[in-house]
Amino acid sequence: MLPNMPDKQMTENYRRTFSPPHGQETLADLLDKLGVFSSLPATPEVMAMKDFGMWLLAALGGGHITSENMKEFTMRLMKQPLIIQEEKEE
């Protein structure tokens, strides 16, 4: 069972944590490691991790993403500024 949605103050705390560039990189890494964007077979463990990643997105203010609100979510997403990062040479 996932935790309840955080209150407004905690949502603001989550957003402050993940808003700076290093926080955004951390959030992207967490979502990747939680399998949010993965097509791994739906084992209970994989689904639990993916569900937590989706909870984290909801906690950041996106709300629970479902088939019913996907259109609204994607409309909000498309209003965000485009950020393209150049590949860093190491």
C-alpha atoms as a PDB file:
ATOM      1  CA  MET A   1       0.000   0.000   0.000  1.00  0.00           C
ATOM      2  CA  LEU A   2       1.299   3.406  -0.978  1.00  0.00           C
ATOM      3  CA  PRO A   3       1.545   6.274   1.493  1.00  0.00           C
ATOM      4  CA  ASN A   4      -1.119   8.973   1.497  1.00  0.00           C
ATOM      5  CA  MET A   5      -0.498  12.053  -0.584  1.00  0.00           C
ATOM      6  CA  PRO A   6       1.581  14.624   1.284  1.00  0.00           C
ATOM      7  CA  ASP A   7       0.040  17.846   2.507  1.00  0.00           C
ATOM      8  CA  LYS A   8       0.719  21.122   0.709  1.00  0.00           C
ATOM      9  CA  GLN A   9       3.804  21.954   2.796  1.00  0.00           C
ATOM     10  CA  MET A  10       5.395  18.560   2.151  1.00  0.00           C
ATOM     11  CA  THR A  11       4.598  18.840  -1.575  1.00  0.00           C
ATOM     12  CA  GLU A  12       6.424  22.177  -1.574  1.00  0.00           C
ATOM     13  CA  ASN A  13       9.352  20.507   0.217  1.00  0.00           C
ATOM     14  CA  TYR A  14       9.496  17.759  -2.404  1.00  0.00           C
ATOM     15  CA  ARG A  15       9.422  20.362  -5.175  1.00  0.00           C
ATOM     16  CA  ARG A  16      12.208  22.434  -3.582  1.00  0.00           C
ATOM     17  CA  THR A  17      14.270  19.262  -3.272  1.00  0.00           C
ATOM     18  CA  PHE A  18      13.876  18.230  -6.895  1.00  0.00           C
ATOM     19  CA  SER A  19      13.706  21.682  -8.579  1.00  0.00           C
ATOM     20  CA  PRO A  20      17.417  22.540  -8.856  1.00  0.00           C
ATOM     21  CA  PRO A  21      19.303  20.957 -11.774  1.00  0.00           C
ATOM     22  CA  HIS A  22      20.994  18.390  -9.508  1.00  0.00           C
ATOM     23  CA  GLY A  23      17.606  17.571  -7.967  1.00  0.00           C
ATOM     24  CA  GLN A  24      16.083  17.060 -11.411  1.00  0.00           C
ATOM     25  CA  GLU A  25      18.913  14.693 -12.311  1.00  0.00           C
ATOM     26  CA  THR A  26      18.353  12.839  -9.044  1.00  0.00           C
ATOM     27  CA  LEU A  27      14.598  12.603  -9.660  1.00  0.00           C
ATOM     28  CA  ALA A  28      15.166  11.293 -13.195  1.00  0.00           C
ATOM     29  CA  ASP A  29      17.599   8.699 -11.833  1.00  0.00           C
ATOM     30  CA  LEU A  30      15.148   7.649  -9.105  1.00  0.00           C
ATOM     31  CA  LEU A  31      12.271   7.302 -11.577  1.00  0.00           C
ATOM     32  CA  ASP A  32      14.503   5.269 -13.876  1.00  0.00           C
ATOM     33  CA  LYS A  33      15.677   2.988 -11.059  1.00  0.00           C
ATOM     34  CA  LEU A  34      12.086   2.569  -9.859  1.00  0.00           C
ATOM     35  CA  GLY A  35      11.199   1.348 -13.343  1.00  0.00           C
ATOM     36  CA  VAL A  36       8.630   4.048 -14.103  1.00  0.00           C
ATOM     37  CA  PHE A  37       9.676   4.072 -17.766  1.00  0.00           C
ATOM     38  CA  SER A  38      10.561   0.386 -17.996  1.00  0.00           C
ATOM     39  CA  SER A  39       8.726  -2.357 -19.790  1.00  0.00           C
ATOM     40  CA  LEU A  40       9.929  -5.112 -17.462  1.00  0.00           C
ATOM     41  CA  PRO A  41       7.467  -7.944 -16.814  1.00  0.00           C
ATOM     42  CA  ALA A  42       4.873  -6.987 -14.202  1.00  0.00           C
ATOM     43  CA  THR A  43       6.092  -8.971 -11.215  1.00  0.00           C
ATOM     44  CA  PRO A  44       4.832  -7.852  -7.790  1.00  0.00           C
ATOM     45  CA  GLU A  45       8.247  -6.376  -6.989  1.00  0.00           C
ATOM     46  CA  VAL A  46       8.469  -4.438 -10.264  1.00  0.00           C
ATOM     47  CA  MET A  47       4.921  -3.134  -9.876  1.00  0.00           C
ATOM     48  CA  ALA A  48       5.569  -2.032  -6.274  1.00  0.00           C
ATOM     49  CA  MET A  49       8.631  -0.042  -7.351  1.00  0.00           C
ATOM     50  CA  LYS A  50       6.831   1.435 -10.369  1.00  0.00           C
ATOM     51  CA  ASP A  51       3.839   2.347  -8.190  1.00  0.00           C
ATOM     52  CA  PHE A  52       6.113   4.193  -5.783  1.00  0.00           C
ATOM     53  CA  GLY A  53       7.649   6.123  -8.674  1.00  0.00           C
ATOM     54  CA  MET A  54       4.175   7.101  -9.833  1.00  0.00           C
ATOM     55  CA  TRP A  55       3.320   8.100  -6.255  1.00  0.00           C
ATOM     56  CA  LEU A  56       6.407  10.320  -6.225  1.00  0.00           C
ATOM     57  CA  LEU A  57       5.271  12.035  -9.422  1.00  0.00           C
ATOM     58  CA  ALA A  58       1.839  12.547  -7.884  1.00  0.00           C
ATOM     59  CA  ALA A  59       3.408  13.885  -4.683  1.00  0.00           C
ATOM     60  CA  LEU A  60       5.282  16.464  -6.740  1.00  0.00           C
ATOM     61  CA  GLY A  61       1.948  17.884  -7.782  1.00  0.00           C
ATOM     62  CA  GLY A  62       1.139  16.050 -10.971  1.00  0.00           C
ATOM     63  CA  GLY A  63      -1.622  14.089  -9.315  1.00  0.00           C
ATOM     64  CA  HIS A  64      -2.167  10.397  -9.838  1.00  0.00           C
ATOM     65  CA  ILE A  65      -1.673   9.593 -13.497  1.00  0.00           C
ATOM     66  CA  THR A  66      -4.438   7.343 -14.778  1.00  0.00           C
ATOM     67  CA  SER A  67      -5.970   6.587 -18.147  1.00  0.00           C
ATOM     68  CA  GLU A  68      -8.773   9.006 -17.194  1.00  0.00           C
ATOM     69  CA  ASN A  69      -6.502  12.007 -16.629  1.00  0.00           C
ATOM     70  CA  MET A  70      -3.688  11.164 -19.082  1.00  0.00           C
ATOM     71  CA  LYS A  71      -4.931  13.760 -21.607  1.00  0.00           C
ATOM     72  CA  GLU A  72      -4.867  16.531 -18.994  1.00  0.00           C
ATOM     73  CA  PHE A  73      -1.449  15.385 -17.769  1.00  0.00           C
ATOM     74  CA  THR A  74       0.031  15.378 -21.285  1.00  0.00           C
ATOM     75  CA  MET A  75      -1.506  18.781 -22.029  1.00  0.00           C
ATOM     76  CA  ARG A  76       0.225  20.196 -18.928  1.00  0.00           C
ATOM     77  CA  LEU A  77       3.447  18.452 -19.919  1.00  0.00           C
ATOM     78  CA  MET A  78       3.396  19.981 -23.390  1.00  0.00           C
ATOM     79  CA  LYS A  79       3.081  23.473 -21.861  1.00  0.00           C
ATOM     80  CA  GLN A  80       6.406  23.043 -20.075  1.00  0.00           C
ATOM     81  CA  PRO A  81       9.478  24.686 -21.608  1.00  0.00           C
ATOM     82  CA  LEU A  82      11.542  22.416 -23.821  1.00  0.00           C
ATOM     83  CA  ILE A  83      14.812  21.437 -22.195  1.00  0.00           C
ATOM     84  CA  ILE A  84      17.391  19.761 -24.384  1.00  0.00           C
ATOM     85  CA  GLN A  85      20.650  18.844 -22.747  1.00  0.00           C
ATOM     86  CA  GLU A  86      23.724  18.380 -24.853  1.00  0.00           C
ATOM     87  CA  GLU A  87      25.617  15.125 -24.418  1.00  0.00           C
ATOM     88  CA  LYS A  88      28.608  15.754 -22.196  1.00  0.00           C
ATOM     89  CA  GLU A  89      31.973  14.565 -23.449  1.00  0.00           C
ATOM     90  CA  GLU A  90      33.956  12.814 -20.781  1.00  0.00           C
END
